[in-house]
Amino acid sequence: MVKQKKKRKIDLLFITACISTSLVLLLIGIVALLLITANDLSRHLKQEMTVEVILKESITDTQFSALRRSIEASPYCAVCSYISKEDALKDMTKAMGTDPSQFLEYNPFYASLNIRLEPQYACSDSLKLIEKRISAYEGVREVSWQKDLLDIINSNIRKVAGILLILALILSLVSFTLINNTIKLTIYSQRFILYSMKLVGAKWSFIRKPFISRNLWIGLASSALTCLMLWYGIRLGLKYEPWLIMLSEPKIIIPVFIIVTLIGLLITGVCALHSVNRFLRMKSGELHYV
């Protein structure tokens, strides 16, 4: 009967430690997920960057063909699409809700080529060179791109990455403190057993082994629980925000699971080692006043 109660008590401590540890690891996992996706988000935003090449009215078919072939063959071009004057007018009419040609009595828009860039070329220096090169072609009226938007994107990505790194460091410190206190409580009830083993000549490494092993299992179980919560959280979020599908890609979710597992094992192992050593260093009288 006593053994059954003791077993239930140990199981309860194990479950409590797993739950509290997994909640902390969940916060770390979310930060890791955001940090890893920040790079992909930057790449996605840069893929949306376009350069608009506005063509002159006088451009010939030969000049147009040469220009388009040159752009499509360039390494910076991902997609090159042609927009005629009529298509430009239709798009603007749809956006404005009125047809500008009705009161101007002519189509004020020009034909253009829209170039979607490869992500590595979506930076100010590369775009200035691209602008200079395309502007040199005959039949090109103007080359435009969203200079302010690019600067804002790059600036915001750096800020977000910095904030997330600081948040990750703070959470790591908080998690270490919380998990350390949780594990300390699980070892506290057995502090006299530790002292008795030390008295009979047991080596510290022998005494520490079962406690560290047990807490590594807590770290592993907590990591598994955290990974499940992250996975089902993403799947649930997909019902409301379809773009979250990128978070479930193997190249993103697998590194997050690895990070969570390693941190879970590291923190629980180090905290167990620290707590056991603390009680092993105490003298008999000190154990009664902890």
Protein backbone atom coordinates (compact mmCIF):
# COMPACT_ATOMS: atom_id res chain seq x y z
CA MET A 1 0.00 0.00 0.00
CA VAL A 2 2.87 2.35 0.89
CA LYS A 3 4.66 1.48 -2.35
CA GLN A 4 1.56 2.28 -4.39
CA LYS A 5 1.18 5.70 -2.70
CA LYS A 6 4.85 6.42 -3.25
CA LYS A 7 4.58 5.43 -6.90
CA ARG A 8 1.54 7.68 -7.37
CA LYS A 9 3.40 10.56 -5.73
CA ILE A 10 6.43 10.10 -7.98
CA ASP A 11 4.20 9.86 -11.06
CA LEU A 12 2.44 13.06 -10.03
CA LEU A 13 5.78 14.86 -9.64
CA PHE A 14 6.88 13.55 -13.02
CA ILE A 15 3.69 14.75 -14.72
CA THR A 16 3.83 18.15 -12.98
CA ALA A 17 7.46 18.62 -14.01
CA CYS A 18 6.65 17.63 -17.61
CA ILE A 19 3.74 20.05 -17.87
CA SER A 20 5.60 23.03 -16.40
CA THR A 21 8.68 22.31 -18.52
CA SER A 22 6.68 21.87 -21.71
CA LEU A 23 4.92 25.22 -21.22
CA VAL A 24 8.28 26.96 -21.01
CA LEU A 25 9.59 25.03 -24.01
CA LEU A 26 6.46 26.03 -25.92
CA LEU A 27 7.41 29.70 -25.60
CA ILE A 28 10.95 28.94 -26.74
CA GLY A 29 9.58 26.87 -29.64
CA ILE A 30 7.37 29.76 -30.80
CA VAL A 31 10.33 32.14 -30.75
CA ALA A 32 12.47 29.59 -32.64
CA LEU A 33 9.68 29.19 -35.19
CA LEU A 34 9.51 32.95 -35.72
CA LEU A 35 13.28 33.27 -36.02
CA ILE A 36 13.52 30.50 -38.61
CA THR A 37 10.57 31.80 -40.63
CA ALA A 38 11.93 35.37 -40.58
CA ASN A 39 14.42 34.45 -43.30
CA ASP A 40 11.73 32.80 -45.44
CA LEU A 41 9.44 35.78 -44.89
CA SER A 42 12.20 38.12 -46.05
CA ARG A 43 12.71 35.96 -49.12
CA HIS A 44 8.96 35.93 -49.83
CA LEU A 45 8.70 39.73 -49.57
CA LYS A 46 11.70 40.17 -51.84
CA GLN A 47 10.15 37.79 -54.39
CA GLU A 48 7.22 40.19 -54.59
CA MET A 49 9.51 43.08 -55.52
CA THR A 50 8.92 44.21 -59.12
CA VAL A 51 10.63 46.60 -61.50
CA GLU A 52 8.35 48.41 -63.95
CA VAL A 53 9.85 49.25 -67.34
CA ILE A 54 7.65 51.89 -68.99
CA LEU A 55 7.92 51.85 -72.78
CA LYS A 56 7.86 54.77 -75.21
CA GLU A 57 5.04 55.15 -77.71
CA SER A 58 7.60 55.07 -80.50
CA ILE A 59 9.20 51.73 -79.58
CA THR A 60 9.41 49.37 -82.55
CA ASP A 61 8.67 45.65 -82.55
CA THR A 62 12.36 44.93 -83.09
CA GLN A 63 13.41 47.10 -80.16
CA PHE A 64 10.70 45.59 -77.96
CA SER A 65 11.71 42.01 -78.82
CA ALA A 66 15.40 42.74 -78.18
CA LEU A 67 14.61 44.36 -74.84
CA ARG A 68 12.36 41.55 -73.65
CA ARG A 69 14.80 38.81 -74.71
CA SER A 70 17.63 40.58 -72.92
CA ILE A 71 15.61 40.97 -69.70
CA GLU A 72 14.34 37.38 -69.69
CA ALA A 73 17.89 36.08 -70.23
CA SER A 74 19.24 38.14 -67.31
CA PRO A 75 19.96 36.36 -63.98
CA TYR A 76 17.97 38.93 -61.99
CA CYS A 77 14.70 38.19 -63.82
CA ALA A 78 12.37 35.59 -62.31
CA VAL A 79 9.27 36.51 -64.38
CA CYS A 80 8.82 39.15 -67.08
CA SER A 81 5.26 40.05 -68.09
CA TYR A 82 3.98 42.53 -70.68
CA ILE A 83 1.15 44.93 -69.87
CA SER A 84 -0.36 46.78 -72.82
CA LYS A 85 -1.83 50.29 -72.69
CA GLU A 86 -5.32 48.83 -72.78
CA ASP A 87 -4.61 46.42 -69.90
CA ALA A 88 -3.09 49.25 -67.85
CA LEU A 89 -6.22 51.34 -68.44
CA LYS A 90 -8.49 48.46 -67.42
CA ASP A 91 -6.51 47.85 -64.21
CA MET A 92 -6.59 51.52 -63.25
CA THR A 93 -10.29 51.80 -64.08
CA LYS A 94 -10.97 48.84 -61.81
CA ALA A 95 -8.88 50.34 -59.01
CA MET A 96 -10.32 53.86 -59.30
CA GLY A 97 -13.88 52.85 -60.11
CA THR A 98 -13.94 55.25 -63.05
CA ASP A 99 -12.43 55.36 -66.54
CA PRO A 100 -9.84 58.20 -66.85
CA SER A 101 -10.00 58.10 -70.66
CA GLN A 102 -13.65 59.25 -70.62
CA PHE A 103 -12.84 62.77 -69.39
CA LEU A 104 -9.27 62.95 -70.79
CA GLU A 105 -10.44 61.69 -74.20
CA TYR A 106 -7.28 59.63 -74.55
CA ASN A 107 -5.50 56.74 -72.82
CA PRO A 108 -2.95 58.34 -70.45
CA PHE A 109 -1.10 55.10 -69.71
CA TYR A 110 1.90 53.50 -71.39
CA ALA A 111 2.69 49.91 -72.19
CA SER A 112 5.18 48.37 -69.77
CA LEU A 113 7.18 45.31 -68.81
CA ASN A 114 6.87 44.14 -65.20
CA ILE A 115 9.91 42.26 -63.94
CA ARG A 116 9.65 40.13 -60.82
CA LEU A 117 13.14 39.85 -59.38
CA GLU A 118 15.10 36.91 -58.02
CA PRO A 119 15.33 37.46 -54.21
CA GLN A 120 19.11 37.92 -54.15
CA TYR A 121 18.80 40.92 -56.49
CA ALA A 122 16.12 42.69 -54.42
CA CYS A 123 18.54 45.16 -52.82
CA SER A 124 19.21 48.83 -53.51
CA ASP A 125 22.68 48.36 -55.05
CA SER A 126 21.56 45.66 -57.50
CA LEU A 127 18.40 47.57 -58.44
CA LYS A 128 20.36 50.70 -59.26
CA LEU A 129 22.57 48.71 -61.65
CA ILE A 130 19.51 47.04 -63.20
CA GLU A 131 17.82 50.42 -63.62
CA LYS A 132 20.91 51.88 -65.31
CA ARG A 133 21.30 48.91 -67.66
CA ILE A 134 17.64 48.81 -68.77
CA SER A 135 17.42 52.59 -69.17
CA ALA A 136 20.18 52.41 -71.80
CA TYR A 137 17.90 50.51 -74.21
CA GLU A 138 16.13 52.40 -76.97
CA GLY A 139 12.39 52.57 -76.52
CA VAL A 140 12.54 52.68 -72.69
CA ARG A 141 10.82 55.73 -71.24
CA GLU A 142 11.36 55.10 -67.53
CA VAL A 143 12.41 52.40 -65.07
CA SER A 144 10.72 52.52 -61.67
CA TRP A 145 10.71 50.42 -58.53
CA GLN A 146 9.51 50.89 -54.95
CA LYS A 147 12.65 52.27 -53.33
CA ASP A 148 11.00 53.19 -50.01
CA LEU A 149 9.26 49.82 -49.69
CA LEU A 150 12.52 47.92 -50.11
CA ASP A 151 14.26 49.99 -47.44
CA ILE A 152 11.31 49.54 -45.07
CA ILE A 153 11.29 45.76 -45.61
CA ASN A 154 15.03 45.41 -44.92
CA SER A 155 14.87 47.71 -41.90
CA ASN A 156 11.85 45.97 -40.36
CA ILE A 157 13.32 42.50 -40.87
CA ARG A 158 16.49 43.54 -39.02
CA LYS A 159 14.44 45.04 -36.18
CA VAL A 160 12.19 42.00 -35.86
CA ALA A 161 15.17 39.63 -35.90
CA GLY A 162 16.88 41.66 -33.16
CA ILE A 163 13.75 41.76 -30.98
CA LEU A 164 13.22 38.01 -31.38
CA LEU A 165 16.82 37.26 -30.42
CA ILE A 166 16.51 39.37 -27.27
CA LEU A 167 13.18 37.69 -26.47
CA ALA A 168 14.78 34.26 -26.98
CA LEU A 169 17.58 35.12 -24.52
CA ILE A 170 15.11 36.40 -21.92
CA LEU A 171 12.92 33.31 -22.30
CA SER A 172 15.96 31.06 -21.96
CA LEU A 173 16.87 32.72 -18.64
CA VAL A 174 13.27 32.57 -17.41
CA SER A 175 12.89 28.95 -18.51
CA PHE A 176 16.12 27.96 -16.78
CA THR A 177 14.90 29.53 -13.51
CA LEU A 178 11.42 27.96 -13.69
CA ILE A 179 12.64 24.51 -14.68
CA ASN A 180 15.43 24.67 -12.09
CA ASN A 181 12.87 25.41 -9.34
CA THR A 182 10.57 22.63 -10.55
CA ILE A 183 13.36 20.05 -10.56
CA LYS A 184 14.66 21.31 -7.22
CA LEU A 185 11.26 20.55 -5.70
CA THR A 186 11.31 16.99 -7.06
CA ILE A 187 14.75 16.39 -5.52
CA TYR A 188 13.97 18.24 -2.26
CA SER A 189 11.78 15.43 -0.92
CA GLN A 190 14.68 12.98 -1.32
CA ARG A 191 17.44 15.15 0.15
CA PHE A 192 17.88 12.88 3.22
CA ILE A 193 18.23 9.84 0.97
CA LEU A 194 21.01 11.66 -0.87
CA TYR A 195 22.76 12.40 2.40
CA SER A 196 22.41 8.79 3.58
CA MET A 197 23.93 7.49 0.35
CA LYS A 198 26.79 9.93 0.76
CA LEU A 199 27.39 8.68 4.33
CA VAL A 200 27.71 5.05 3.25
CA GLY A 201 30.45 6.03 0.78
CA ALA A 202 28.54 6.22 -2.51
CA LYS A 203 30.32 8.30 -5.13
CA TRP A 204 28.67 11.53 -6.21
CA SER A 205 28.52 10.33 -9.81
CA PHE A 206 26.63 7.21 -8.67
CA ILE A 207 24.19 9.31 -6.59
CA ARG A 208 23.60 11.82 -9.38
CA LYS A 209 23.02 9.25 -12.13
CA PRO A 210 19.37 8.24 -11.39
CA PHE A 211 18.31 11.86 -10.77
CA ILE A 212 19.89 13.16 -13.96
CA SER A 213 18.54 10.19 -15.92
CA ARG A 214 15.03 10.78 -14.56
CA ASN A 215 15.14 14.47 -15.41
CA LEU A 216 16.45 13.79 -18.90
CA TRP A 217 13.34 11.67 -19.38
CA ILE A 218 11.31 14.64 -18.15
CA GLY A 219 13.09 16.82 -20.72
CA LEU A 220 12.43 14.30 -23.49
CA ALA A 221 8.76 13.87 -22.57
CA SER A 222 8.31 17.66 -22.26
CA SER A 223 9.95 18.20 -25.65
CA ALA A 224 7.68 15.63 -27.28
CA LEU A 225 4.62 17.26 -25.70
CA THR A 226 5.81 20.70 -26.86
CA CYS A 227 6.37 19.48 -30.42
CA LEU A 228 2.83 18.04 -30.48
CA MET A 229 1.38 21.34 -29.22
CA LEU A 230 3.30 23.31 -31.86
CA TRP A 231 2.24 20.94 -34.64
CA TYR A 232 -1.45 20.89 -33.72
CA GLY A 233 -1.38 24.64 -33.11
CA ILE A 234 -0.14 25.19 -36.67
CA ARG A 235 -2.71 22.75 -38.10
CA LEU A 236 -5.48 24.51 -36.17
CA GLY A 237 -4.27 27.92 -37.35
CA LEU A 238 -4.45 26.77 -40.98
CA LYS A 239 -8.25 26.81 -40.75
CA TYR A 240 -8.15 30.58 -40.21
CA GLU A 241 -4.88 31.66 -41.89
CA PRO A 242 -3.91 29.51 -44.93
CA TRP A 243 -0.49 31.22 -45.24
CA LEU A 244 0.58 29.33 -42.07
CA ILE A 245 1.12 26.31 -44.31
CA MET A 246 4.71 27.52 -44.74
CA LEU A 247 5.30 26.88 -41.00
CA SER A 248 4.55 23.18 -41.44
CA GLU A 249 7.16 22.70 -44.16
CA PRO A 250 9.86 20.15 -43.14
CA LYS A 251 12.70 22.67 -43.63
CA ILE A 252 11.11 24.87 -40.94
CA ILE A 253 9.29 22.58 -38.50
CA ILE A 254 12.01 19.89 -38.20
CA PRO A 255 14.76 22.33 -37.08
CA VAL A 256 12.29 23.81 -34.55
CA PHE A 257 11.57 20.32 -33.14
CA ILE A 258 15.32 19.62 -32.91
CA ILE A 259 15.95 22.94 -31.13
CA VAL A 260 13.11 22.33 -28.64
CA THR A 261 14.34 18.78 -27.89
CA LEU A 262 17.98 19.82 -27.41
CA ILE A 263 17.03 22.76 -25.16
CA GLY A 264 14.65 20.54 -23.17
CA LEU A 265 17.34 17.93 -22.56
CA LEU A 266 20.04 20.52 -21.87
CA ILE A 267 18.05 22.58 -19.38
CA THR A 268 16.62 19.62 -17.44
CA GLY A 269 20.01 17.86 -17.34
CA VAL A 270 21.91 20.95 -16.18
CA CYS A 271 19.23 21.88 -13.63
CA ALA A 272 19.22 18.34 -12.21
CA LEU A 273 23.02 18.34 -11.94
CA HIS A 274 22.98 21.74 -10.23
CA SER A 275 20.22 20.78 -7.76
CA VAL A 276 21.72 17.41 -6.78
CA ASN A 277 25.17 18.93 -6.27
CA ARG A 278 23.62 21.63 -4.08
CA PHE A 279 22.08 19.06 -1.72
CA LEU A 280 25.19 16.87 -1.77
CA ARG A 281 27.30 19.79 -0.56
CA MET A 282 25.01 20.42 2.42
CA LYS A 283 25.78 19.18 5.89
CA SER A 284 23.26 17.28 7.99
CA GLY A 285 22.09 20.32 9.93
CA GLU A 286 21.53 22.39 6.81
CA LEU A 287 19.13 19.86 5.30
CA HIS A 288 16.52 20.66 8.00
CA TYR A 289 16.47 24.37 7.20
CA VAL A 290 16.31 24.32 3.38
